[in-house]
Amino acid sequence: MNTADTSNPTDRIFLRDARCRSFDAVVVAVDDDGRVALDRTAFYATSGGQPHDTGTLSFKADTGSGDGDVSVPVTDVSGHEVVWHTLADLGAAPSTGTAVHGRLDWQRRYDLMRTHTALHILCGVVYNTWGVSVTGGNMEPCKARMDFEFGPLPEGFAETVTNLVNAEIAADRPIEVSFLPRAEALGDDALIRTKVNLIPESVQEIRVVDIVGLDKQADGGTHVESTGEVGRFEVLKTESKGKANKRLRIAIHEA
């Protein structure tokens, strides 16, 4: 294991710029499993129901007969304060201090952005129409599930919610990302239902994703810039997961 200081958090570029596809960074640590920590990254680490990005890290490596260019697939990304990148070839991990170039699998990232935004639209539509909050969810590129505090679903629910969500997509609402001091976020009535108070007290700056005029949530994930980028929303299936918990399985299609 390379010894290095990981006391400084990774600069997570995606929090400010979800459209960043490639970046330069420096290796700050390599752990016993061959995972690599960088000083900055655009790779999203699995959290909040959104899966990690994939892509490549490229760097100069000693091949035994001189330095050569190496490009290694990134297969997993994890962590929060320090973001760790798992490489397909753990034996090829660059050493601490190595300059690397990261490149995302952009199609996967963009499809996840579209899907994540679709889920926020769904949350806004369900809450504004029926006053029901979300209880959980998960996603993969262009498919997802989301659970809500429903008893019996209203008659014609799937068709109604599909039409309402697609209307919000067609409205092409802008999506804004901001950072609020914790105290200010706790005082924002629009954020109360997203349970900002459950975010650890050590987090003093809250990232907020606002689909203007529809939905506003504390959120650390990646999103498109307007609802019009999402495409076409479809409810694949509704399921009962208890007396007051109903699951929607959804898909996102090209417009």
Protein backbone atom coordinates (compact mmCIF):
# COMPACT_ATOMS: atom_id res chain seq x y z
CA MET A 1 0.00 0.00 0.00
CA ASN A 2 1.23 3.49 -0.83
CA THR A 3 1.13 5.75 2.18
CA ALA A 4 -0.42 9.14 1.59
CA ASP A 5 -2.52 11.77 3.33
CA THR A 6 -6.24 11.26 2.64
CA SER A 7 -7.36 13.77 5.26
CA ASN A 8 -8.36 16.24 2.53
CA PRO A 9 -11.67 15.49 0.79
CA THR A 10 -11.71 14.76 -2.92
CA ASP A 11 -12.78 17.70 -5.06
CA ARG A 12 -15.95 16.26 -6.62
CA ILE A 13 -16.22 18.09 -9.92
CA PHE A 14 -19.66 16.66 -10.72
CA LEU A 15 -21.25 18.61 -7.86
CA ARG A 16 -20.63 21.83 -9.80
CA ASP A 17 -20.38 20.57 -13.38
CA ALA A 18 -22.36 17.43 -14.21
CA ARG A 19 -21.40 17.75 -17.89
CA CYS A 20 -17.66 17.41 -17.29
CA ARG A 21 -16.62 14.38 -19.35
CA SER A 22 -12.85 14.35 -18.76
CA PHE A 23 -10.42 15.83 -16.27
CA ASP A 24 -6.81 15.86 -15.06
CA ALA A 25 -5.90 14.85 -11.53
CA VAL A 26 -3.14 13.51 -9.28
CA VAL A 27 -3.15 10.22 -7.35
CA VAL A 28 -3.12 10.91 -3.61
CA ALA A 29 -3.41 7.31 -2.34
CA VAL A 30 -3.62 3.66 -3.39
CA ASP A 31 -5.11 1.21 -0.89
CA ASP A 32 -4.36 -2.48 -0.26
CA ASP A 33 -7.06 -3.47 -2.76
CA GLY A 34 -5.49 -1.40 -5.53
CA ARG A 35 -8.17 1.28 -5.41
CA VAL A 36 -7.02 4.77 -6.36
CA ALA A 37 -7.90 8.07 -4.66
CA LEU A 38 -7.42 11.30 -6.62
CA ASP A 39 -7.21 14.93 -5.56
CA ARG A 40 -10.20 15.65 -7.84
CA THR A 41 -12.62 13.58 -9.87
CA ALA A 42 -15.61 13.78 -12.20
CA PHE A 43 -16.52 10.13 -11.48
CA TYR A 44 -19.72 9.88 -9.44
CA ALA A 45 -19.47 7.50 -6.47
CA THR A 46 -22.50 5.29 -5.77
CA SER A 47 -24.87 7.05 -3.34
CA GLY A 48 -28.44 8.23 -2.96
CA GLY A 49 -29.77 5.54 -5.28
CA GLN A 50 -27.59 6.68 -8.19
CA PRO A 51 -24.96 4.14 -9.30
CA HIS A 52 -21.34 4.96 -9.96
CA ASP A 53 -19.84 6.14 -13.23
CA THR A 54 -17.51 4.06 -15.36
CA GLY A 55 -14.76 5.14 -17.72
CA THR A 56 -10.96 5.11 -17.85
CA LEU A 57 -7.90 6.49 -16.09
CA SER A 58 -4.91 7.13 -18.37
CA PHE A 59 -1.36 7.79 -17.20
CA LYS A 60 2.31 7.21 -17.90
CA ALA A 61 3.58 3.98 -16.35
CA ASP A 62 6.91 2.21 -16.16
CA THR A 63 6.54 -0.79 -18.48
CA GLY A 64 9.98 -2.17 -17.65
CA SER A 65 11.46 -0.89 -20.88
CA GLY A 66 10.67 2.76 -20.37
CA ASP A 67 7.61 4.84 -19.67
CA GLY A 68 4.48 4.03 -21.68
CA ASP A 69 0.91 5.27 -21.89
CA VAL A 70 -1.58 3.11 -19.96
CA SER A 71 -5.38 3.38 -20.02
CA VAL A 72 -7.22 1.29 -17.42
CA PRO A 73 -11.03 0.92 -17.14
CA VAL A 74 -12.66 2.22 -13.96
CA THR A 75 -15.18 -0.42 -12.86
CA ASP A 76 -16.43 0.96 -9.53
CA VAL A 77 -16.37 4.26 -7.63
CA SER A 78 -17.15 4.56 -3.92
CA GLY A 79 -16.68 6.82 -0.93
CA HIS A 80 -17.83 10.28 0.03
CA GLU A 81 -15.22 12.57 1.52
CA VAL A 82 -12.49 10.56 -0.20
CA VAL A 83 -13.57 9.03 -3.52
CA TRP A 84 -11.98 5.68 -4.43
CA HIS A 85 -11.71 4.37 -7.99
CA THR A 86 -11.54 0.61 -8.58
CA LEU A 87 -9.56 -0.36 -11.68
CA ALA A 88 -10.20 -3.40 -13.89
CA ASP A 89 -6.52 -4.34 -13.55
CA LEU A 90 -5.66 -3.80 -9.89
CA GLY A 91 -2.02 -4.53 -10.60
CA ALA A 92 -1.90 -1.57 -12.95
CA ALA A 93 -2.78 1.02 -10.30
CA PRO A 94 -0.62 4.14 -10.64
CA SER A 95 1.54 5.12 -7.69
CA THR A 96 0.96 8.09 -5.43
CA GLY A 97 1.88 11.37 -7.11
CA THR A 98 1.14 10.13 -10.64
CA ALA A 99 -0.68 12.55 -12.94
CA VAL A 100 -3.74 10.90 -14.52
CA HIS A 101 -6.39 11.80 -17.06
CA GLY A 102 -9.90 10.59 -16.33
CA ARG A 103 -12.55 10.07 -18.98
CA LEU A 104 -16.17 9.12 -18.29
CA ASP A 105 -18.33 6.70 -20.19
CA TRP A 106 -20.46 9.66 -21.19
CA GLN A 107 -23.48 7.79 -22.55
CA ARG A 108 -23.89 5.95 -19.25
CA ARG A 109 -23.52 9.19 -17.24
CA TYR A 110 -25.92 11.12 -19.46
CA ASP A 111 -28.55 8.37 -19.30
CA LEU A 112 -28.24 8.37 -15.50
CA MET A 113 -28.64 12.16 -15.46
CA ARG A 114 -31.82 11.90 -17.54
CA THR A 115 -33.14 9.14 -15.30
CA HIS A 116 -32.33 10.97 -12.06
CA THR A 117 -34.05 14.12 -13.27
CA ALA A 118 -37.09 12.06 -14.32
CA LEU A 119 -37.36 10.73 -10.76
CA HIS A 120 -37.31 14.26 -9.37
CA ILE A 121 -40.06 15.24 -11.82
CA LEU A 122 -42.04 12.20 -10.67
CA CYS A 123 -41.54 13.20 -7.02
CA GLY A 124 -42.76 16.72 -7.74
CA VAL A 125 -45.80 15.56 -9.69
CA VAL A 126 -46.86 12.99 -7.08
CA TYR A 127 -46.37 15.38 -4.16
CA ASN A 128 -48.08 18.35 -5.84
CA THR A 129 -51.02 16.25 -7.09
CA TRP A 130 -51.63 13.78 -4.26
CA GLY A 131 -49.57 15.18 -1.35
CA VAL A 132 -47.61 11.92 -1.10
CA SER A 133 -43.90 11.70 -0.30
CA VAL A 134 -41.27 9.33 -1.64
CA THR A 135 -39.92 6.61 0.66
CA GLY A 136 -37.09 5.21 -1.45
CA GLY A 137 -35.77 4.51 -4.90
CA ASN A 138 -33.00 3.20 -7.07
CA MET A 139 -31.93 3.63 -10.68
CA GLU A 140 -29.89 2.33 -13.55
CA PRO A 141 -29.46 4.01 -16.93
CA CYS A 142 -32.96 4.74 -18.31
CA LYS A 143 -34.76 2.48 -15.78
CA ALA A 144 -35.66 3.02 -12.14
CA ARG A 145 -37.99 2.24 -9.28
CA MET A 146 -39.49 4.66 -6.79
CA ASP A 147 -41.60 3.97 -3.69
CA PHE A 148 -44.31 6.27 -2.33
CA GLU A 149 -46.43 6.48 0.83
CA PHE A 150 -49.63 5.47 -0.97
CA GLY A 151 -52.40 3.29 0.35
CA PRO A 152 -54.51 2.03 -2.55
CA LEU A 153 -53.44 3.80 -5.73
CA PRO A 154 -56.00 6.21 -7.21
CA GLU A 155 -58.05 4.92 -10.14
CA GLY A 156 -56.13 5.34 -13.39
CA PHE A 157 -53.00 6.37 -11.51
CA ALA A 158 -50.41 5.00 -13.96
CA GLU A 159 -51.92 6.77 -16.96
CA THR A 160 -52.49 10.00 -15.05
CA VAL A 161 -48.98 10.21 -13.61
CA THR A 162 -47.46 9.32 -16.99
CA ASN A 163 -49.31 12.17 -18.67
CA LEU A 164 -48.43 14.64 -15.91
CA VAL A 165 -44.73 13.76 -15.93
CA ASN A 166 -44.51 13.95 -19.72
CA ALA A 167 -46.24 17.34 -19.60
CA GLU A 168 -43.55 18.59 -17.21
CA ILE A 169 -40.86 17.24 -19.53
CA ALA A 170 -42.47 19.04 -22.47
CA ALA A 171 -42.58 22.26 -20.41
CA ASP A 172 -38.75 22.25 -20.52
CA ARG A 173 -38.40 23.64 -17.02
CA PRO A 174 -34.91 24.88 -16.12
CA ILE A 175 -32.96 23.00 -13.44
CA GLU A 176 -30.79 25.01 -11.07
CA VAL A 177 -28.13 23.79 -8.65
CA SER A 178 -27.20 25.88 -5.61
CA PHE A 179 -25.38 25.49 -2.31
CA LEU A 180 -27.02 26.74 0.89
CA PRO A 181 -25.67 27.10 4.42
CA ARG A 182 -27.21 24.37 6.55
CA ALA A 183 -29.20 26.79 8.71
CA GLU A 184 -30.71 28.43 5.64
CA ALA A 185 -31.62 25.07 4.10
CA LEU A 186 -33.32 23.95 7.32
CA GLY A 187 -35.41 27.12 7.21
CA ASP A 188 -36.58 26.57 3.63
CA ASP A 189 -40.16 25.22 3.72
CA ALA A 190 -39.72 23.70 0.25
CA LEU A 191 -36.95 21.46 1.57
CA ILE A 192 -38.67 20.20 4.71
CA ARG A 193 -40.21 17.16 2.99
CA THR A 194 -36.77 16.10 1.71
CA LYS A 195 -35.66 15.74 5.34
CA VAL A 196 -32.59 17.98 5.28
CA ASN A 197 -32.36 17.43 9.03
CA LEU A 198 -31.37 13.80 8.37
CA ILE A 199 -28.19 14.91 6.60
CA PRO A 200 -25.28 14.55 9.08
CA GLU A 201 -24.63 17.71 11.10
CA SER A 202 -21.03 17.65 9.86
CA VAL A 203 -22.39 18.71 6.45
CA GLN A 204 -22.68 22.45 6.78
CA GLU A 205 -23.33 23.23 3.11
CA ILE A 206 -26.39 21.68 1.46
CA ARG A 207 -26.53 21.14 -2.29
CA VAL A 208 -30.00 21.86 -3.66
CA VAL A 209 -31.41 20.77 -7.03
CA ASP A 210 -34.37 22.92 -8.08
CA ILE A 211 -36.63 22.03 -11.01
CA VAL A 212 -37.95 25.56 -11.13
CA GLY A 213 -41.63 25.72 -10.27
CA LEU A 214 -42.01 21.98 -9.69
CA ASP A 215 -39.63 20.28 -7.27
CA LYS A 216 -36.83 21.36 -4.94
CA GLN A 217 -34.66 18.82 -3.11
CA ALA A 218 -31.42 18.49 -1.19
CA ASP A 219 -29.53 16.19 -3.52
CA GLY A 220 -25.95 15.22 -4.39
CA GLY A 221 -26.60 13.53 -7.73
CA THR A 222 -26.16 14.53 -11.34
CA HIS A 223 -28.93 16.05 -13.48
CA VAL A 224 -29.60 17.48 -16.92
CA GLU A 225 -30.02 21.23 -17.36
CA SER A 226 -33.73 21.27 -18.19
CA THR A 227 -36.61 18.80 -18.09
CA GLY A 228 -36.80 18.78 -21.88
CA GLU A 229 -33.59 16.72 -22.01
CA VAL A 230 -35.18 13.77 -20.21
CA GLY A 231 -37.03 12.22 -23.16
CA ARG A 232 -40.27 10.22 -22.78
CA PHE A 233 -41.39 8.85 -19.41
CA GLU A 234 -43.20 5.52 -19.06
CA VAL A 235 -44.62 3.64 -16.07
CA LEU A 236 -43.75 -0.02 -16.65
CA LYS A 237 -45.45 -1.47 -13.58
CA THR A 238 -46.96 -0.62 -10.20
CA GLU A 239 -46.46 -2.92 -7.20
CA SER A 240 -47.73 -3.04 -3.64
CA LYS A 241 -44.94 -3.20 -1.06
CA GLY A 242 -47.14 -2.94 2.00
CA LYS A 243 -50.31 -1.30 3.26
CA ALA A 244 -48.94 2.21 2.73
CA ASN A 245 -46.09 1.69 0.30
CA LYS A 246 -46.47 1.43 -3.47
CA ARG A 247 -43.67 0.97 -5.99
CA LEU A 248 -43.48 2.39 -9.49
CA ARG A 249 -41.11 0.88 -12.04
CA ILE A 250 -40.38 3.36 -14.78
CA ALA A 251 -38.43 3.69 -18.01
CA ILE A 252 -37.02 6.63 -19.93
CA HIS A 253 -37.00 6.63 -23.73
CA GLU A 254 -35.56 8.91 -26.36
CA ALA A 255 -37.99 11.68 -27.25
